[in-house]
Amino acid sequence: MGEQASSIAGQIDILFWFMTLASAVITGGIALALLFFSIRYRRRSENEVPVQTEGALKLELTWTFIPLILSAFIFLWAALLFVRMSRPEPNAMEIYVTGRQWMWKAQQPSGQWENNELHVPVGQPVQLNMTSIDVIHDFYIPAFRQKQDVLPGRYTTLAFTATKAGTYNLFCAEYCGTQHSRMVGSVTAMEPRDYQAWLQGENNAESPAARGLRHFESYGCDTCHRQDNGGVGPTLVGLYGQQEQLADGRTVTVDDSYIRESILNPQKQVVQGYGPPSRMPTYAGRVNETELIDLIAYIRSLGGQQQEQGGGGDDSLPGAGAEETPGTGPNSSTDGPKP
């Protein structure tokens, strides 16, 4: 089965071996029954006519309900493990992962980018927010017993906690093109002290939220989405994680996927009171995936429900809690496109 290096790996292996044992017992039982019946009820002469049995209700109920109960038990067991893997811990460290033909690109919370590598601390819950810029990929760490499809146009998540320091294989488990077999990498689990030393040893990178602020200003978004709610678009301060009423009567949660959709296709989900149609132009084809990740990080830093519950914004940013004159940042552009 290979090495176990995550908090869920041992339970996955137990489920696997239980299913293997159950399958072996059932398969062996059927094989022995076939052999026994073939000998016990064989035709002994050409004139022998067996007694016809019209039905055996108890026998039929037995072979119906025993497999049903066993299958339901396995399903519930697997479903509980799946839910556990799908729901990250409240204090999970979020890392953004982008898949492309044929490489993985991961961004640490402090801003460092890694290609085909991922460094995580041991004992710290981690949530990977993943997307693809071309085709379907699959992020697979065999030692963690976890994998998740990575899809273009949306975010999927993978949650895990590494329990053992070491370097583990990373594969793409979905055929994604001619060089699919070369889309490999490594996940390095480090003791917390070593992880912090590794971060400090890397070049000091600009935080995702800080880069997001630069993109926000360079694209002219601060002209319409003003912090004082005086623009033609809604303010983004305190928005993340909140419920928004749309113009068509629906209610949505402002999360990563909603923000991404609103930037690339603003006409799809228009906030009540601001259309339809939305005045904001589409940025599809103009904003790349890494800029989207930075913009989402910046909007998160402006506060919202998740930050109030313990999530982390970046209070060092000018836009995070401080009133700043829109369009006057160091990288603002009065000539950029206006949402």
C-alpha atoms as a PDB file:
ATOM      1  CA  MET A   1       0.000   0.000   0.000  1.00  0.00           C
ATOM      2  CA  GLY A   2       2.934   2.343   0.410  1.00  0.00           C
ATOM      3  CA  GLU A   3       3.735   4.884   3.082  1.00  0.00           C
ATOM      4  CA  GLN A   4       1.025   6.581   5.146  1.00  0.00           C
ATOM      5  CA  ALA A   5       1.731  10.285   5.613  1.00  0.00           C
ATOM      6  CA  SER A   6      -1.609  12.006   6.320  1.00  0.00           C
ATOM      7  CA  SER A   7      -4.182  11.904   9.098  1.00  0.00           C
ATOM      8  CA  ILE A   8      -6.726  10.175   6.840  1.00  0.00           C
ATOM      9  CA  ALA A   9      -4.411   7.655   5.131  1.00  0.00           C
ATOM     10  CA  GLY A  10      -4.704   4.937   7.790  1.00  0.00           C
ATOM     11  CA  GLN A  11      -8.503   5.055   7.744  1.00  0.00           C
ATOM     12  CA  ILE A  12      -8.546   4.887   3.946  1.00  0.00           C
ATOM     13  CA  ASP A  13      -6.342   1.788   4.080  1.00  0.00           C
ATOM     14  CA  ILE A  14      -8.599   0.120   6.678  1.00  0.00           C
ATOM     15  CA  LEU A  15     -11.623   0.724   4.447  1.00  0.00           C
ATOM     16  CA  PHE A  16      -9.733  -0.613   1.431  1.00  0.00           C
ATOM     17  CA  TRP A  17      -8.672  -3.809   3.219  1.00  0.00           C
ATOM     18  CA  PHE A  18     -12.194  -4.328   4.593  1.00  0.00           C
ATOM     19  CA  MET A  19     -13.652  -4.063   1.099  1.00  0.00           C
ATOM     20  CA  THR A  20     -10.940  -6.395  -0.237  1.00  0.00           C
ATOM     21  CA  LEU A  21     -11.602  -8.960   2.513  1.00  0.00           C
ATOM     22  CA  ALA A  22     -15.383  -8.744   2.053  1.00  0.00           C
ATOM     23  CA  SER A  23     -15.002  -9.188  -1.712  1.00  0.00           C
ATOM     24  CA  ALA A  24     -12.666 -12.162  -1.196  1.00  0.00           C
ATOM     25  CA  VAL A  25     -15.058 -13.846   1.246  1.00  0.00           C
ATOM     26  CA  ILE A  26     -18.051 -13.325  -1.057  1.00  0.00           C
ATOM     27  CA  THR A  27     -16.135 -14.448  -4.151  1.00  0.00           C
ATOM     28  CA  GLY A  28     -14.778 -17.507  -2.338  1.00  0.00           C
ATOM     29  CA  GLY A  29     -18.223 -18.369  -0.993  1.00  0.00           C
ATOM     30  CA  ILE A  30     -19.781 -18.176  -4.450  1.00  0.00           C
ATOM     31  CA  ALA A  31     -17.004 -20.319  -5.939  1.00  0.00           C
ATOM     32  CA  LEU A  32     -17.408 -22.998  -3.242  1.00  0.00           C
ATOM     33  CA  ALA A  33     -21.198 -22.949  -3.634  1.00  0.00           C
ATOM     34  CA  LEU A  34     -20.857 -23.406  -7.404  1.00  0.00           C
ATOM     35  CA  LEU A  35     -18.492 -26.342  -6.883  1.00  0.00           C
ATOM     36  CA  PHE A  36     -20.731 -27.947  -4.236  1.00  0.00           C
ATOM     37  CA  PHE A  37     -23.947 -27.537  -6.244  1.00  0.00           C
ATOM     38  CA  SER A  38     -22.257 -28.784  -9.423  1.00  0.00           C
ATOM     39  CA  ILE A  39     -21.372 -32.044  -7.644  1.00  0.00           C
ATOM     40  CA  ARG A  40     -24.388 -32.406  -5.355  1.00  0.00           C
ATOM     41  CA  TYR A  41     -27.034 -31.731  -7.995  1.00  0.00           C
ATOM     42  CA  ARG A  42     -25.362 -33.143 -11.076  1.00  0.00           C
ATOM     43  CA  ARG A  43     -27.478 -35.255 -13.443  1.00  0.00           C
ATOM     44  CA  ARG A  44     -26.772 -38.928 -12.721  1.00  0.00           C
ATOM     45  CA  SER A  45     -28.681 -40.384 -15.682  1.00  0.00           C
ATOM     46  CA  GLU A  46     -30.265 -39.135 -18.889  1.00  0.00           C
ATOM     47  CA  ASN A  47     -33.752 -39.935 -17.580  1.00  0.00           C
ATOM     48  CA  GLU A  48     -33.324 -38.111 -14.278  1.00  0.00           C
ATOM     49  CA  VAL A  49     -35.699 -35.164 -13.911  1.00  0.00           C
ATOM     50  CA  PRO A  50     -35.090 -32.958 -10.842  1.00  0.00           C
ATOM     51  CA  VAL A  51     -37.899 -31.828  -8.587  1.00  0.00           C
ATOM     52  CA  GLN A  52     -38.977 -28.323  -9.570  1.00  0.00           C
ATOM     53  CA  THR A  53     -38.838 -25.675  -6.850  1.00  0.00           C
ATOM     54  CA  GLU A  54     -41.255 -22.815  -7.453  1.00  0.00           C
ATOM     55  CA  GLY A  55     -39.653 -20.427  -4.992  1.00  0.00           C
ATOM     56  CA  ALA A  56     -37.914 -20.015  -1.646  1.00  0.00           C
ATOM     57  CA  LEU A  57     -38.906 -16.685  -0.109  1.00  0.00           C
ATOM     58  CA  LYS A  58     -36.625 -16.931   2.941  1.00  0.00           C
ATOM     59  CA  LEU A  59     -33.611 -17.779   0.776  1.00  0.00           C
ATOM     60  CA  GLU A  60     -34.319 -14.924  -1.636  1.00  0.00           C
ATOM     61  CA  LEU A  61     -34.753 -12.437   1.227  1.00  0.00           C
ATOM     62  CA  THR A  62     -31.497 -13.659   2.762  1.00  0.00           C
ATOM     63  CA  TRP A  63     -29.392 -13.163  -0.365  1.00  0.00           C
ATOM     64  CA  THR A  64     -31.051  -9.791  -0.966  1.00  0.00           C
ATOM     65  CA  PHE A  65     -30.773  -8.182   2.465  1.00  0.00           C
ATOM     66  CA  ILE A  66     -27.321  -9.408   3.515  1.00  0.00           C
ATOM     67  CA  PRO A  67     -25.586  -7.779   0.488  1.00  0.00           C
ATOM     68  CA  LEU A  68     -27.836  -4.716   0.890  1.00  0.00           C
ATOM     69  CA  ILE A  69     -26.819  -4.238   4.530  1.00  0.00           C
ATOM     70  CA  LEU A  70     -23.141  -4.836   3.708  1.00  0.00           C
ATOM     71  CA  SER A  71     -23.228  -2.389   0.779  1.00  0.00           C
ATOM     72  CA  ALA A  72     -25.015   0.270   2.861  1.00  0.00           C
ATOM     73  CA  PHE A  73     -22.442  -0.125   5.634  1.00  0.00           C
ATOM     74  CA  ILE A  74     -19.534   0.322   3.222  1.00  0.00           C
ATOM     75  CA  PHE A  75     -21.265   3.282   1.563  1.00  0.00           C
ATOM     76  CA  LEU A  76     -21.841   5.098   4.866  1.00  0.00           C
ATOM     77  CA  TRP A  77     -18.284   4.399   6.000  1.00  0.00           C
ATOM     78  CA  ALA A  78     -16.843   5.733   2.745  1.00  0.00           C
ATOM     79  CA  ALA A  79     -19.221   8.719   2.717  1.00  0.00           C
ATOM     80  CA  LEU A  80     -18.111   9.784   6.204  1.00  0.00           C
ATOM     81  CA  LEU A  81     -14.469   9.632   5.117  1.00  0.00           C
ATOM     82  CA  PHE A  82     -15.285  11.567   1.947  1.00  0.00           C
ATOM     83  CA  VAL A  83     -17.053  14.307   3.918  1.00  0.00           C
ATOM     84  CA  ARG A  84     -14.119  14.528   6.297  1.00  0.00           C
ATOM     85  CA  MET A  85     -11.694  14.925   3.375  1.00  0.00           C
ATOM     86  CA  SER A  86     -13.942  17.508   1.710  1.00  0.00           C
ATOM     87  CA  ARG A  87     -14.339  19.785   4.736  1.00  0.00           C
ATOM     88  CA  PRO A  88     -11.152  21.579   5.768  1.00  0.00           C
ATOM     89  CA  GLU A  89     -10.452  22.469   9.372  1.00  0.00           C
ATOM     90  CA  PRO A  90     -11.426  26.033  10.432  1.00  0.00           C
ATOM     91  CA  ASN A  91      -7.755  26.910  10.952  1.00  0.00           C
ATOM     92  CA  ALA A  92      -6.586  25.340   7.684  1.00  0.00           C
ATOM     93  CA  MET A  93      -3.760  27.044   5.806  1.00  0.00           C
ATOM     94  CA  GLU A  94      -4.966  27.884   2.304  1.00  0.00           C
ATOM     95  CA  ILE A  95      -2.720  27.277  -0.690  1.00  0.00           C
ATOM     96  CA  TYR A  96      -3.739  27.993  -4.281  1.00  0.00           C
ATOM     97  CA  VAL A  97      -2.820  25.416  -6.913  1.00  0.00           C
ATOM     98  CA  THR A  98      -3.075  25.927 -10.664  1.00  0.00           C
ATOM     99  CA  GLY A  99      -2.794  23.034 -13.091  1.00  0.00           C
ATOM    100  CA  ARG A 100      -1.747  23.422 -16.687  1.00  0.00           C
ATOM    101  CA  GLN A 101      -0.279  21.229 -19.415  1.00  0.00           C
ATOM    102  CA  TRP A 102       1.953  19.877 -18.003  1.00  0.00           C
ATOM    103  CA  MET A 103       2.909  21.266 -14.618  1.00  0.00           C
ATOM    104  CA  TRP A 104       1.588  22.208 -11.193  1.00  0.00           C
ATOM    105  CA  LYS A 105       1.963  25.716  -9.822  1.00  0.00           C
ATOM    106  CA  ALA A 106       1.341  26.349  -6.097  1.00  0.00           C
ATOM    107  CA  GLN A 107       1.231  29.632  -4.212  1.00  0.00           C
ATOM    108  CA  GLN A 108       2.052  29.748  -0.511  1.00  0.00           C
ATOM    109  CA  PRO A 109       0.024  32.064   1.778  1.00  0.00           C
ATOM    110  CA  SER A 110       3.108  34.282   2.069  1.00  0.00           C
ATOM    111  CA  GLY A 111       3.233  34.690  -1.701  1.00  0.00           C
ATOM    112  CA  GLN A 112       5.983  32.294  -2.828  1.00  0.00           C
ATOM    113  CA  TRP A 113       5.259  30.378  -6.030  1.00  0.00           C
ATOM    114  CA  GLU A 114       6.421  26.802  -6.520  1.00  0.00           C
ATOM    115  CA  ASN A 115       6.538  24.800  -9.741  1.00  0.00           C
ATOM    116  CA  ASN A 116       5.855  21.061  -9.423  1.00  0.00           C
ATOM    117  CA  GLU A 117       6.612  21.304  -5.709  1.00  0.00           C
ATOM    118  CA  LEU A 118       4.531  21.919  -2.624  1.00  0.00           C
ATOM    119  CA  HIS A 119       5.894  22.520   0.870  1.00  0.00           C
ATOM    120  CA  VAL A 120       3.570  22.087   3.868  1.00  0.00           C
ATOM    121  CA  PRO A 121       4.120  21.928   7.643  1.00  0.00           C
ATOM    122  CA  VAL A 122       3.506  18.692   9.538  1.00  0.00           C
ATOM    123  CA  GLY A 123       0.462  18.781  11.800  1.00  0.00           C
ATOM    124  CA  GLN A 124      -1.048  21.876  10.149  1.00  0.00           C
ATOM    125  CA  PRO A 125      -4.390  21.389   8.355  1.00  0.00           C
ATOM    126  CA  VAL A 126      -4.042  22.480   4.734  1.00  0.00           C
ATOM    127  CA  GLN A 127      -6.726  23.425   2.214  1.00  0.00           C
ATOM    128  CA  LEU A 128      -5.776  23.446  -1.452  1.00  0.00           C
ATOM    129  CA  ASN A 129      -7.920  25.710  -3.649  1.00  0.00           C
ATOM    130  CA  MET A 130      -7.333  24.370  -7.137  1.00  0.00           C
ATOM    131  CA  THR A 131      -8.210  25.287 -10.697  1.00  0.00           C
ATOM    132  CA  SER A 132      -6.957  24.563 -14.214  1.00  0.00           C
ATOM    133  CA  ILE A 133      -6.217  26.967 -17.032  1.00  0.00           C
ATOM    134  CA  ASP A 134      -6.671  24.436 -19.852  1.00  0.00           C
ATOM    135  CA  VAL A 135      -8.036  20.882 -19.402  1.00  0.00           C
ATOM    136  CA  ILE A 136      -9.100  18.586 -16.564  1.00  0.00           C
ATOM    137  CA  HIS A 137      -6.244  17.460 -14.316  1.00  0.00           C
ATOM    138  CA  ASP A 138      -6.232  15.469 -11.081  1.00  0.00           C
ATOM    139  CA  PHE A 139      -4.096  16.313  -8.058  1.00  0.00           C
ATOM    140  CA  TYR A 140      -3.012  12.987  -6.535  1.00  0.00           C
ATOM    141  CA  ILE A 141      -0.733  12.333  -3.522  1.00  0.00           C
ATOM    142  CA  PRO A 142      -0.534   8.541  -3.039  1.00  0.00           C
ATOM    143  CA  ALA A 143       1.095   8.746   0.413  1.00  0.00           C
ATOM    144  CA  PHE A 144      -1.816  10.897   1.600  1.00  0.00           C
ATOM    145  CA  ARG A 145      -4.386   8.583  -0.082  1.00  0.00           C
ATOM    146  CA  GLN A 146      -6.089  11.647  -1.532  1.00  0.00           C
ATOM    147  CA  LYS A 147      -6.782  13.047  -4.967  1.00  0.00           C
ATOM    148  CA  GLN A 148      -9.123  15.608  -6.458  1.00  0.00           C
ATOM    149  CA  ASP A 149     -10.082  16.636  -9.978  1.00  0.00           C
ATOM    150  CA  VAL A 150      -8.789  20.067 -10.985  1.00  0.00           C
ATOM    151  CA  LEU A 151     -11.225  21.669 -13.397  1.00  0.00           C
ATOM    152  CA  PRO A 152     -11.021  24.658 -15.761  1.00  0.00           C
ATOM    153  CA  GLY A 153     -13.403  27.482 -14.956  1.00  0.00           C
ATOM    154  CA  ARG A 154     -14.071  26.607 -11.310  1.00  0.00           C
ATOM    155  CA  TYR A 155     -12.384  25.930  -7.977  1.00  0.00           C
ATOM    156  CA  THR A 156     -12.188  22.570  -6.249  1.00  0.00           C
ATOM    157  CA  THR A 157     -10.683  21.927  -2.829  1.00  0.00           C
ATOM    158  CA  LEU A 158      -8.579  19.226  -1.220  1.00  0.00           C
ATOM    159  CA  ALA A 159      -8.025  19.158   2.545  1.00  0.00           C
ATOM    160  CA  PHE A 160      -5.347  17.179   4.380  1.00  0.00           C
ATOM    161  CA  THR A 161      -3.019  17.179   7.355  1.00  0.00           C
ATOM    162  CA  ALA A 162       0.469  15.788   6.878  1.00  0.00           C
ATOM    163  CA  THR A 163       1.585  13.639   9.807  1.00  0.00           C
ATOM    164  CA  LYS A 164       5.080  12.586   8.790  1.00  0.00           C
ATOM    165  CA  ALA A 165       7.981  14.645   7.523  1.00  0.00           C
ATOM    166  CA  GLY A 166       9.304  13.599   4.146  1.00  0.00           C
ATOM    167  CA  THR A 167       9.054  14.110   0.400  1.00  0.00           C
ATOM    168  CA  TYR A 168       6.180  12.359  -1.373  1.00  0.00           C
ATOM    169  CA  ASN A 169       5.219  11.838  -4.989  1.00  0.00           C
ATOM    170  CA  LEU A 170       2.672  14.073  -6.687  1.00  0.00           C
ATOM    171  CA  PHE A 171       0.937  12.900  -9.857  1.00  0.00           C
ATOM    172  CA  CYS A 172      -1.730  13.981 -12.276  1.00  0.00           C
ATOM    173  CA  ALA A 173      -4.272  11.141 -12.210  1.00  0.00           C
ATOM    174  CA  GLU A 174      -6.358  12.333 -15.174  1.00  0.00           C
ATOM    175  CA  TYR A 175      -5.138  11.929 -18.755  1.00  0.00           C
ATOM    176  CA  CYS A 176      -4.528  15.498 -19.866  1.00  0.00           C
ATOM    177  CA  GLY A 177      -2.555  15.273 -23.112  1.00  0.00           C
ATOM    178  CA  THR A 178       0.494  13.823 -24.775  1.00  0.00           C
ATOM    179  CA  GLN A 179       2.855  14.598 -21.877  1.00  0.00           C
ATOM    180  CA  HIS A 180       0.464  13.548 -19.123  1.00  0.00           C
ATOM    181  CA  SER A 181       2.962  11.019 -17.749  1.00  0.00           C
ATOM    182  CA  ARG A 182       5.486  13.816 -17.191  1.00  0.00           C
ATOM    183  CA  MET A 183       3.108  15.919 -15.081  1.00  0.00           C
ATOM    184  CA  VAL A 184       4.705  14.879 -11.810  1.00  0.00           C
ATOM    185  CA  GLY A 185       6.030  16.686  -8.786  1.00  0.00           C
ATOM    186  CA  SER A 186       6.620  16.340  -5.056  1.00  0.00           C
ATOM    187  CA  VAL A 187       4.987  17.321  -1.781  1.00  0.00           C
ATOM    188  CA  THR A 188       7.444  18.006   1.017  1.00  0.00           C
ATOM    189  CA  ALA A 189       6.090  17.801   4.560  1.00  0.00           C
ATOM    190  CA  MET A 190       8.338  19.628   7.022  1.00  0.00           C
ATOM    191  CA  GLU A 191       8.403  20.125  10.756  1.00  0.00           C
ATOM    192  CA  PRO A 192       6.864  23.544  11.557  1.00  0.00           C
ATOM    193  CA  ARG A 193      10.234  25.034  12.538  1.00  0.00           C
ATOM    194  CA  ASP A 194      11.864  23.766   9.334  1.00  0.00           C
ATOM    195  CA  TYR A 195       8.923  25.030   7.280  1.00  0.00           C
ATOM    196  CA  GLN A 196       9.278  28.533   8.719  1.00  0.00           C
ATOM    197  CA  ALA A 197      13.003  28.439   8.059  1.00  0.00           C
ATOM    198  CA  TRP A 198      12.285  27.375   4.469  1.00  0.00           C
ATOM    199  CA  LEU A 199       9.882  30.292   4.025  1.00  0.00           C
ATOM    200  CA  GLN A 200      12.422  32.756   5.369  1.00  0.00           C
ATOM    201  CA  GLY A 201      15.122  31.279   3.160  1.00  0.00           C
ATOM    202  CA  GLU A 202      13.060  31.950   0.050  1.00  0.00           C
ATOM    203  CA  ASN A 203      13.119  35.350  -1.584  1.00  0.00           C
ATOM    204  CA  ASN A 204      10.810  37.687   0.237  1.00  0.00           C
ATOM    205  CA  ALA A 205       7.718  37.559  -1.932  1.00  0.00           C
ATOM    206  CA  GLU A 206       4.939  40.074  -2.131  1.00  0.00           C
ATOM    207  CA  SER A 207       1.789  38.737  -0.479  1.00  0.00           C
ATOM    208  CA  PRO A 208      -1.103  37.674  -2.750  1.00  0.00           C
ATOM    209  CA  ALA A 209      -3.344  40.340  -1.241  1.00  0.00           C
ATOM    210  CA  ALA A 210      -0.775  43.074  -1.906  1.00  0.00           C
ATOM    211  CA  ARG A 211      -0.444  41.968  -5.522  1.00  0.00           C
ATOM    212  CA  GLY A 212      -4.232  41.837  -5.718  1.00  0.00           C
ATOM    213  CA  LEU A 213      -4.414  45.471  -4.621  1.00  0.00           C
ATOM    214  CA  ARG A 214      -2.044  46.429  -7.432  1.00  0.00           C
ATOM    215  CA  HIS A 215      -4.164  44.568  -9.982  1.00  0.00           C
ATOM    216  CA  PHE A 216      -7.309  46.117  -8.504  1.00  0.00           C
ATOM    217  CA  GLU A 217      -5.928  49.583  -9.060  1.00  0.00           C
ATOM    218  CA  SER A 218      -4.223  48.941 -12.399  1.00  0.00           C
ATOM    219  CA  TYR A 219      -7.469  47.626 -13.918  1.00  0.00           C
ATOM    220  CA  GLY A 220      -9.343  50.637 -12.547  1.00  0.00           C
ATOM    221  CA  CYS A 221     -11.620  48.567 -10.322  1.00  0.00           C
ATOM    222  CA  ASP A 222     -11.277  51.088  -7.487  1.00  0.00           C
ATOM    223  CA  THR A 223     -13.091  53.678  -9.615  1.00  0.00           C
ATOM    224  CA  CYS A 224     -16.418  51.826  -9.380  1.00  0.00           C
ATOM    225  CA  HIS A 225     -15.946  49.675  -6.271  1.00  0.00           C
ATOM    226  CA  ARG A 226     -15.128  52.409  -3.798  1.00  0.00           C
ATOM    227  CA  GLN A 227     -14.706  51.707  -0.108  1.00  0.00           C
ATOM    228  CA  ASP A 228     -17.101  54.510   0.841  1.00  0.00           C
ATOM    229  CA  ASN A 229     -19.870  52.892  -1.259  1.00  0.00           C
ATOM    230  CA  GLY A 230     -19.946  55.979  -3.462  1.00  0.00           C
ATOM    231  CA  GLY A 231     -19.150  54.241  -6.735  1.00  0.00           C
ATOM    232  CA  VAL A 232     -21.443  52.876  -9.406  1.00  0.00           C
ATOM    233  CA  GLY A 233     -20.668  49.354  -8.194  1.00  0.00           C
ATOM    234  CA  PRO A 234     -21.089  47.816  -4.733  1.00  0.00           C
ATOM    235  CA  THR A 235     -18.369  48.228  -2.148  1.00  0.00           C
ATOM    236  CA  LEU A 236     -16.247  45.171  -1.510  1.00  0.00           C
ATOM    237  CA  VAL A 237     -15.403  45.969   2.110  1.00  0.00           C
ATOM    238  CA  GLY A 238     -16.692  43.236   4.435  1.00  0.00           C
ATOM    239  CA  LEU A 239     -18.231  41.397   1.493  1.00  0.00           C
ATOM    240  CA  TYR A 240     -16.430  38.056   1.512  1.00  0.00           C
ATOM    241  CA  GLY A 241     -18.486  35.211   2.965  1.00  0.00           C
ATOM    242  CA  GLN A 242     -21.705  37.229   3.056  1.00  0.00           C
ATOM    243  CA  GLN A 243     -25.027  36.390   1.413  1.00  0.00           C
ATOM    244  CA  GLU A 244     -25.856  38.555  -1.598  1.00  0.00           C
ATOM    245  CA  GLN A 245     -29.304  39.074  -3.123  1.00  0.00           C
ATOM    246  CA  LEU A 246     -29.172  38.954  -6.909  1.00  0.00           C
ATOM    247  CA  ALA A 247     -31.299  40.888  -9.358  1.00  0.00           C
ATOM    248  CA  ASP A 248     -33.118  37.699 -10.395  1.00  0.00           C
ATOM    249  CA  GLY A 249     -34.158  36.964  -6.792  1.00  0.00           C
ATOM    250  CA  ARG A 250     -31.556  34.302  -6.041  1.00  0.00           C
ATOM    251  CA  THR A 251     -29.244  34.433  -3.025  1.00  0.00           C
ATOM    252  CA  VAL A 252     -25.578  33.469  -3.322  1.00  0.00           C
ATOM    253  CA  THR A 253     -22.610  33.277  -0.988  1.00  0.00           C
ATOM    254  CA  VAL A 254     -19.670  35.496  -1.866  1.00  0.00           C
ATOM    255  CA  ASP A 255     -16.857  32.943  -2.102  1.00  0.00           C
ATOM    256  CA  ASP A 256     -13.873  32.361  -4.372  1.00  0.00           C
ATOM    257  CA  SER A 257     -15.973  30.913  -7.201  1.00  0.00           C
ATOM    258  CA  TYR A 258     -18.493  33.767  -7.066  1.00  0.00           C
ATOM    259  CA  ILE A 259     -15.759  36.421  -7.215  1.00  0.00           C
ATOM    260  CA  ARG A 260     -14.073  34.643 -10.113  1.00  0.00           C
ATOM    261  CA  GLU A 261     -17.358  34.400 -12.025  1.00  0.00           C
ATOM    262  CA  SER A 262     -18.160  38.054 -11.347  1.00  0.00           C
ATOM    263  CA  ILE A 263     -14.833  39.168 -12.821  1.00  0.00           C
ATOM    264  CA  LEU A 264     -14.946  36.958 -15.907  1.00  0.00           C
ATOM    265  CA  ASN A 265     -18.696  37.012 -16.547  1.00  0.00           C
ATOM    266  CA  PRO A 266     -20.272  39.919 -14.638  1.00  0.00           C
ATOM    267  CA  GLN A 267     -23.612  39.635 -16.487  1.00  0.00           C
ATOM    268  CA  LYS A 268     -24.312  36.183 -15.066  1.00  0.00           C
ATOM    269  CA  GLN A 269     -24.901  37.080 -11.398  1.00  0.00           C
ATOM    270  CA  VAL A 270     -25.819  40.755 -10.992  1.00  0.00           C
ATOM    271  CA  VAL A 271     -26.345  42.103  -7.470  1.00  0.00           C
ATOM    272  CA  GLN A 272     -29.771  43.513  -6.746  1.00  0.00           C
ATOM    273  CA  GLY A 273     -29.846  47.268  -7.269  1.00  0.00           C
ATOM    274  CA  TYR A 274     -27.023  47.264  -9.834  1.00  0.00           C
ATOM    275  CA  GLY A 275     -28.827  45.964 -12.903  1.00  0.00           C
ATOM    276  CA  PRO A 276     -29.519  44.013 -14.942  1.00  0.00           C
ATOM    277  CA  PRO A 277     -27.645  44.548 -17.071  1.00  0.00           C
ATOM    278  CA  SER A 278     -24.428  45.032 -15.152  1.00  0.00           C
ATOM    279  CA  ARG A 279     -22.322  48.055 -16.071  1.00  0.00           C
ATOM    280  CA  MET A 280     -19.156  46.061 -15.484  1.00  0.00           C
ATOM    281  CA  PRO A 281     -17.391  44.752 -18.608  1.00  0.00           C
ATOM    282  CA  THR A 282     -16.084  41.221 -18.816  1.00  0.00           C
ATOM    283  CA  TYR A 283     -12.433  40.606 -18.035  1.00  0.00           C
ATOM    284  CA  ALA A 284     -12.317  37.156 -19.618  1.00  0.00           C
ATOM    285  CA  GLY A 285      -9.131  36.912 -21.667  1.00  0.00           C
ATOM    286  CA  ARG A 286      -7.657  39.979 -19.976  1.00  0.00           C
ATOM    287  CA  VAL A 287      -7.101  38.713 -16.433  1.00  0.00           C
ATOM    288  CA  ASN A 288      -5.060  35.532 -16.109  1.00  0.00           C
ATOM    289  CA  GLU A 289      -5.516  32.851 -13.457  1.00  0.00           C
ATOM    290  CA  THR A 290      -2.732  34.058 -11.165  1.00  0.00           C
ATOM    291  CA  GLU A 291      -4.156  37.589 -11.208  1.00  0.00           C
ATOM    292  CA  LEU A 292      -7.578  36.172 -10.324  1.00  0.00           C
ATOM    293  CA  ILE A 293      -6.079  34.396  -7.318  1.00  0.00           C
ATOM    294  CA  ASP A 294      -4.438  37.653  -6.195  1.00  0.00           C
ATOM    295  CA  LEU A 295      -7.659  39.642  -6.672  1.00  0.00           C
ATOM    296  CA  ILE A 296      -9.586  37.106  -4.600  1.00  0.00           C
ATOM    297  CA  ALA A 297      -6.934  37.331  -1.864  1.00  0.00           C
ATOM    298  CA  TYR A 298      -7.255  41.129  -1.865  1.00  0.00           C
ATOM    299  CA  ILE A 299     -11.061  41.049  -1.595  1.00  0.00           C
ATOM    300  CA  ARG A 300     -10.715  38.574   1.266  1.00  0.00           C
ATOM    301  CA  SER A 301      -8.365  40.977   3.020  1.00  0.00           C
ATOM    302  CA  LEU A 302     -11.095  43.635   3.014  1.00  0.00           C
ATOM    303  CA  GLY A 303     -12.951  41.631   5.640  1.00  0.00           C
ATOM    304  CA  GLY A 304     -16.108  39.607   5.775  1.00  0.00           C
ATOM    305  CA  GLN A 305     -17.841  36.827   7.614  1.00  0.00           C
ATOM    306  CA  GLN A 306     -14.956  34.358   7.400  1.00  0.00           C
ATOM    307  CA  GLN A 307     -12.449  36.895   8.710  1.00  0.00           C
ATOM    308  CA  GLU A 308     -14.724  37.686  11.663  1.00  0.00           C
ATOM    309  CA  GLN A 309     -14.845  33.982  12.481  1.00  0.00           C
ATOM    310  CA  GLY A 310     -11.081  33.698  12.610  1.00  0.00           C
ATOM    311  CA  GLY A 311      -9.921  33.882   8.990  1.00  0.00           C
ATOM    312  CA  GLY A 312      -6.938  36.029   8.250  1.00  0.00           C
ATOM    313  CA  GLY A 313      -7.008  39.258   6.336  1.00  0.00           C
ATOM    314  CA  ASP A 314      -3.913  41.331   5.671  1.00  0.00           C
ATOM    315  CA  ASP A 315      -4.193  44.411   7.878  1.00  0.00           C
ATOM    316  CA  SER A 316      -1.016  45.819   6.404  1.00  0.00           C
ATOM    317  CA  LEU A 317      -2.770  46.616   3.139  1.00  0.00           C
ATOM    318  CA  PRO A 318      -4.019  50.130   2.517  1.00  0.00           C
ATOM    319  CA  GLY A 319      -7.414  48.741   1.574  1.00  0.00           C
ATOM    320  CA  ALA A 320      -7.858  46.614   4.690  1.00  0.00           C
ATOM    321  CA  GLY A 321      -9.654  48.816   7.155  1.00  0.00           C
ATOM    322  CA  ALA A 322      -8.065  52.126   6.155  1.00  0.00           C
ATOM    323  CA  GLU A 323      -9.802  54.726   4.055  1.00  0.00           C
ATOM    324  CA  GLU A 324      -7.738  55.584   1.017  1.00  0.00           C
ATOM    325  CA  THR A 325      -8.667  57.890  -1.802  1.00  0.00           C
ATOM    326  CA  PRO A 326      -9.701  55.650  -4.727  1.00  0.00           C
ATOM    327  CA  GLY A 327      -7.357  55.629  -7.671  1.00  0.00           C
ATOM    328  CA  THR A 328      -4.432  57.239  -5.832  1.00  0.00           C
ATOM    329  CA  GLY A 329      -2.454  54.097  -4.996  1.00  0.00           C
ATOM    330  CA  PRO A 330       1.139  53.764  -6.117  1.00  0.00           C
ATOM    331  CA  ASN A 331       0.176  51.534  -9.031  1.00  0.00           C
ATOM    332  CA  SER A 332      -3.168  53.061  -9.949  1.00  0.00           C
ATOM    333  CA  SER A 333      -3.848  53.860 -13.543  1.00  0.00           C
ATOM    334  CA  THR A 334      -6.320  56.446 -14.695  1.00  0.00           C
ATOM    335  CA  ASP A 335      -6.006  55.107 -18.232  1.00  0.00           C
ATOM    336  CA  GLY A 336      -6.929  51.510 -17.407  1.00  0.00           C
ATOM    337  CA  PRO A 337     -10.282  49.872 -18.214  1.00  0.00           C
ATOM    338  CA  LYS A 338     -13.071  50.968 -15.890  1.00  0.00           C
ATOM    339  CA  PRO A 339     -15.484  48.367 -14.561  1.00  0.00           C
END
